[in-house]
C-alpha cells in the first residue's frame, strides 16, 4: 500500500465541503481497494486556509464547548474568535469529527498537514 500526497488549495472553498474532501482522502475512500477496517488513506496538505469561506451565519453563531473537569463547568469559545486565533484548529476539529470513531482515527488525523 502506497500513500500519495495530496495538496488542496482552500482559497474560496467552504469549510464543510473542504472537510468532507479531506476526510475521504484520509480514510482512503478514493481508492479501489478501500476497506473500512484498513487504514489505507493518503497524506493531505492544505494551503491558504485563511482564505476559506463560511456559509450562512456559522462564523458568528457557532460555539465550541469544552468540559473543564469540574461539575457543571464548561468553556464556550465562539467560532469567530477561534478562527481569528487558530484557523487550523477549526479545520482539524471539523475533519476529526467526520472521521470514523475507532482506533484508526488518531492515525488518520496525523496525516493531515495544515499550512497557513
C-alpha atoms as a PDB file:
ATOM      1  CA  UNK A   1       0.000   0.000   0.000  1.00  0.00           C
ATOM      2  CA  UNK A   2       1.488   3.289  -1.126  1.00  0.00           C
ATOM      3  CA  UNK A   3       0.372   6.568   0.351  1.00  0.00           C
ATOM      4  CA  UNK A   4       0.124   9.510  -2.014  1.00  0.00           C
ATOM      5  CA  UNK A   5       0.488  13.196  -1.168  1.00  0.00           C
ATOM      6  CA  UNK A   6      -2.484  15.433  -1.951  1.00  0.00           C
ATOM      7  CA  UNK A   7      -2.261  19.226  -1.834  1.00  0.00           C
ATOM      8  CA  UNK A   8      -5.510  21.171  -1.538  1.00  0.00           C
ATOM      9  CA  UNK A   9      -5.816  24.927  -2.004  1.00  0.00           C
ATOM     10  CA  UNK A  10      -8.545  26.189   0.333  1.00  0.00           C
ATOM     11  CA  UNK A  11      -8.990  29.556  -1.396  1.00  0.00           C
ATOM     12  CA  UNK A  12     -12.711  30.261  -1.794  1.00  0.00           C
ATOM     13  CA  UNK A  13     -13.805  26.808  -0.612  1.00  0.00           C
ATOM     14  CA  UNK A  14     -16.430  26.248   2.059  1.00  0.00           C
ATOM     15  CA  UNK A  15     -15.051  24.745   5.276  1.00  0.00           C
ATOM     16  CA  UNK A  16     -17.625  21.929   5.337  1.00  0.00           C
ATOM     17  CA  UNK A  17     -17.032  20.812   1.756  1.00  0.00           C
ATOM     18  CA  UNK A  18     -13.298  21.084   2.256  1.00  0.00           C
ATOM     19  CA  UNK A  19     -13.543  18.913   5.386  1.00  0.00           C
ATOM     20  CA  UNK A  20     -15.525  16.175   3.646  1.00  0.00           C
ATOM     21  CA  UNK A  21     -13.000  16.029   0.804  1.00  0.00           C
ATOM     22  CA  UNK A  22     -10.112  15.797   3.273  1.00  0.00           C
ATOM     23  CA  UNK A  23     -11.831  13.136   5.393  1.00  0.00           C
ATOM     24  CA  UNK A  24     -12.429  10.971   2.326  1.00  0.00           C
ATOM     25  CA  UNK A  25      -8.766  11.194   1.314  1.00  0.00           C
ATOM     26  CA  UNK A  26      -7.557  10.418   4.846  1.00  0.00           C
ATOM     27  CA  UNK A  27      -9.772   7.320   5.007  1.00  0.00           C
ATOM     28  CA  UNK A  28      -8.732   6.160   1.533  1.00  0.00           C
ATOM     29  CA  UNK A  29     -12.216   6.208   0.027  1.00  0.00           C
ATOM     30  CA  UNK A  30     -10.772   7.429  -3.273  1.00  0.00           C
ATOM     31  CA  UNK A  31      -9.004   4.087  -3.815  1.00  0.00           C
ATOM     32  CA  UNK A  32     -10.450   0.989  -5.439  1.00  0.00           C
ATOM     33  CA  UNK A  33      -9.111  -1.248  -2.645  1.00  0.00           C
ATOM     34  CA  UNK A  34     -10.918   0.665   0.137  1.00  0.00           C
ATOM     35  CA  UNK A  35     -11.860  -1.381   3.182  1.00  0.00           C
ATOM     36  CA  UNK A  36     -13.196   0.310   6.330  1.00  0.00           C
ATOM     37  CA  UNK A  37     -11.091  -1.759   8.729  1.00  0.00           C
ATOM     38  CA  UNK A  38      -7.798  -0.997   6.935  1.00  0.00           C
ATOM     39  CA  UNK A  39      -6.032   2.351   7.190  1.00  0.00           C
ATOM     40  CA  UNK A  40      -5.187   2.946   3.536  1.00  0.00           C
ATOM     41  CA  UNK A  41      -5.547   6.720   3.363  1.00  0.00           C
ATOM     42  CA  UNK A  42      -3.180   9.302   1.944  1.00  0.00           C
ATOM     43  CA  UNK A  43      -1.349  12.372   3.219  1.00  0.00           C
ATOM     44  CA  UNK A  44      -3.228  15.658   2.777  1.00  0.00           C
ATOM     45  CA  UNK A  45      -1.683  19.141   2.852  1.00  0.00           C
ATOM     46  CA  UNK A  46      -3.968  22.188   2.991  1.00  0.00           C
ATOM     47  CA  UNK A  47      -2.758  25.619   1.851  1.00  0.00           C
ATOM     48  CA  UNK A  48      -4.279  29.109   2.151  1.00  0.00           C
ATOM     49  CA  UNK A  49      -6.695  28.202   4.926  1.00  0.00           C
ATOM     50  CA  UNK A  50      -7.263  31.835   5.928  1.00  0.00           C
ATOM     51  CA  UNK A  51      -8.902  32.450   2.546  1.00  0.00           C
ATOM     52  CA  UNK A  52     -11.554  29.766   3.012  1.00  0.00           C
ATOM     53  CA  UNK A  53     -15.144  30.896   3.493  1.00  0.00           C
ATOM     54  CA  UNK A  54     -18.085  30.116   5.736  1.00  0.00           C
ATOM     55  CA  UNK A  55     -21.682  29.833   4.565  1.00  0.00           C
ATOM     56  CA  UNK A  56     -24.614  31.249   6.461  1.00  0.00           C
ATOM     57  CA  UNK A  57     -24.134  32.704   9.947  1.00  0.00           C
ATOM     58  CA  UNK A  58     -21.865  29.956  11.277  1.00  0.00           C
ATOM     59  CA  UNK A  59     -18.965  32.294  11.926  1.00  0.00           C
ATOM     60  CA  UNK A  60     -20.993  34.444  14.325  1.00  0.00           C
ATOM     61  CA  UNK A  61     -23.409  31.897  15.823  1.00  0.00           C
ATOM     62  CA  UNK A  62     -21.442  28.633  16.215  1.00  0.00           C
ATOM     63  CA  UNK A  63     -19.712  27.880  19.517  1.00  0.00           C
ATOM     64  CA  UNK A  64     -17.249  25.210  20.567  1.00  0.00           C
ATOM     65  CA  UNK A  65     -17.659  23.685  24.023  1.00  0.00           C
ATOM     66  CA  UNK A  66     -15.029  22.079  26.236  1.00  0.00           C
ATOM     67  CA  UNK A  67     -15.572  20.415  29.596  1.00  0.00           C
ATOM     68  CA  UNK A  68     -13.231  21.743  32.286  1.00  0.00           C
ATOM     69  CA  UNK A  69     -13.308  18.682  34.517  1.00  0.00           C
ATOM     70  CA  UNK A  70     -15.349  20.306  37.271  1.00  0.00           C
ATOM     71  CA  UNK A  71     -19.006  19.552  37.882  1.00  0.00           C
ATOM     72  CA  UNK A  72     -21.290  21.812  35.868  1.00  0.00           C
ATOM     73  CA  UNK A  73     -18.459  23.760  34.221  1.00  0.00           C
ATOM     74  CA  UNK A  74     -17.578  24.037  30.584  1.00  0.00           C
ATOM     75  CA  UNK A  75     -15.832  26.618  28.456  1.00  0.00           C
ATOM     76  CA  UNK A  76     -17.536  28.143  25.466  1.00  0.00           C
ATOM     77  CA  UNK A  77     -15.436  29.575  22.633  1.00  0.00           C
ATOM     78  CA  UNK A  78     -17.133  31.403  19.728  1.00  0.00           C
ATOM     79  CA  UNK A  79     -16.064  30.196  16.288  1.00  0.00           C
ATOM     80  CA  UNK A  80     -15.169  33.701  15.166  1.00  0.00           C
ATOM     81  CA  UNK A  81     -12.598  34.122  17.954  1.00  0.00           C
ATOM     82  CA  UNK A  82     -11.151  30.656  17.351  1.00  0.00           C
ATOM     83  CA  UNK A  83     -10.944  31.332  13.593  1.00  0.00           C
ATOM     84  CA  UNK A  84      -9.016  34.558  14.199  1.00  0.00           C
ATOM     85  CA  UNK A  85      -6.591  32.939  16.668  1.00  0.00           C
ATOM     86  CA  UNK A  86      -6.193  29.365  15.358  1.00  0.00           C
ATOM     87  CA  UNK A  87      -7.864  28.685  11.984  1.00  0.00           C
ATOM     88  CA  UNK A  88      -6.088  25.334  11.698  1.00  0.00           C
ATOM     89  CA  UNK A  89      -7.888  24.132  14.832  1.00  0.00           C
ATOM     90  CA  UNK A  90     -11.298  24.867  13.273  1.00  0.00           C
ATOM     91  CA  UNK A  91     -10.491  22.760  10.199  1.00  0.00           C
ATOM     92  CA  UNK A  92      -8.816  19.990  12.207  1.00  0.00           C
ATOM     93  CA  UNK A  93     -11.833  19.703  14.533  1.00  0.00           C
ATOM     94  CA  UNK A  94     -14.213  19.619  11.586  1.00  0.00           C
ATOM     95  CA  UNK A  95     -12.248  16.846   9.849  1.00  0.00           C
ATOM     96  CA  UNK A  96     -11.752  14.895  13.085  1.00  0.00           C
ATOM     97  CA  UNK A  97     -15.495  14.772  13.721  1.00  0.00           C
ATOM     98  CA  UNK A  98     -16.067  13.406  10.193  1.00  0.00           C
ATOM     99  CA  UNK A  99     -13.648  10.510  10.595  1.00  0.00           C
ATOM    100  CA  UNK A 100     -14.883   7.172  11.978  1.00  0.00           C
ATOM    101  CA  UNK A 101     -14.829   6.932  15.753  1.00  0.00           C
ATOM    102  CA  UNK A 102     -12.476   3.960  16.095  1.00  0.00           C
ATOM    103  CA  UNK A 103      -8.830   3.135  16.772  1.00  0.00           C
ATOM    104  CA  UNK A 104      -7.744   4.255  13.303  1.00  0.00           C
ATOM    105  CA  UNK A 105      -8.918   7.855  13.754  1.00  0.00           C
ATOM    106  CA  UNK A 106      -5.791   9.110  15.542  1.00  0.00           C
ATOM    107  CA  UNK A 107      -3.545   7.630  12.854  1.00  0.00           C
ATOM    108  CA  UNK A 108      -5.641   9.199  10.105  1.00  0.00           C
ATOM    109  CA  UNK A 109      -5.658  12.719  11.555  1.00  0.00           C
ATOM    110  CA  UNK A 110      -1.863  12.687  11.940  1.00  0.00           C
ATOM    111  CA  UNK A 111      -1.584  12.612   8.152  1.00  0.00           C
ATOM    112  CA  UNK A 112      -3.337  15.997   7.868  1.00  0.00           C
ATOM    113  CA  UNK A 113      -0.898  18.892   7.446  1.00  0.00           C
ATOM    114  CA  UNK A 114      -2.290  22.419   7.553  1.00  0.00           C
ATOM    115  CA  UNK A 115      -0.134  25.297   6.303  1.00  0.00           C
ATOM    116  CA  UNK A 116      -1.095  28.911   6.654  1.00  0.00           C
END
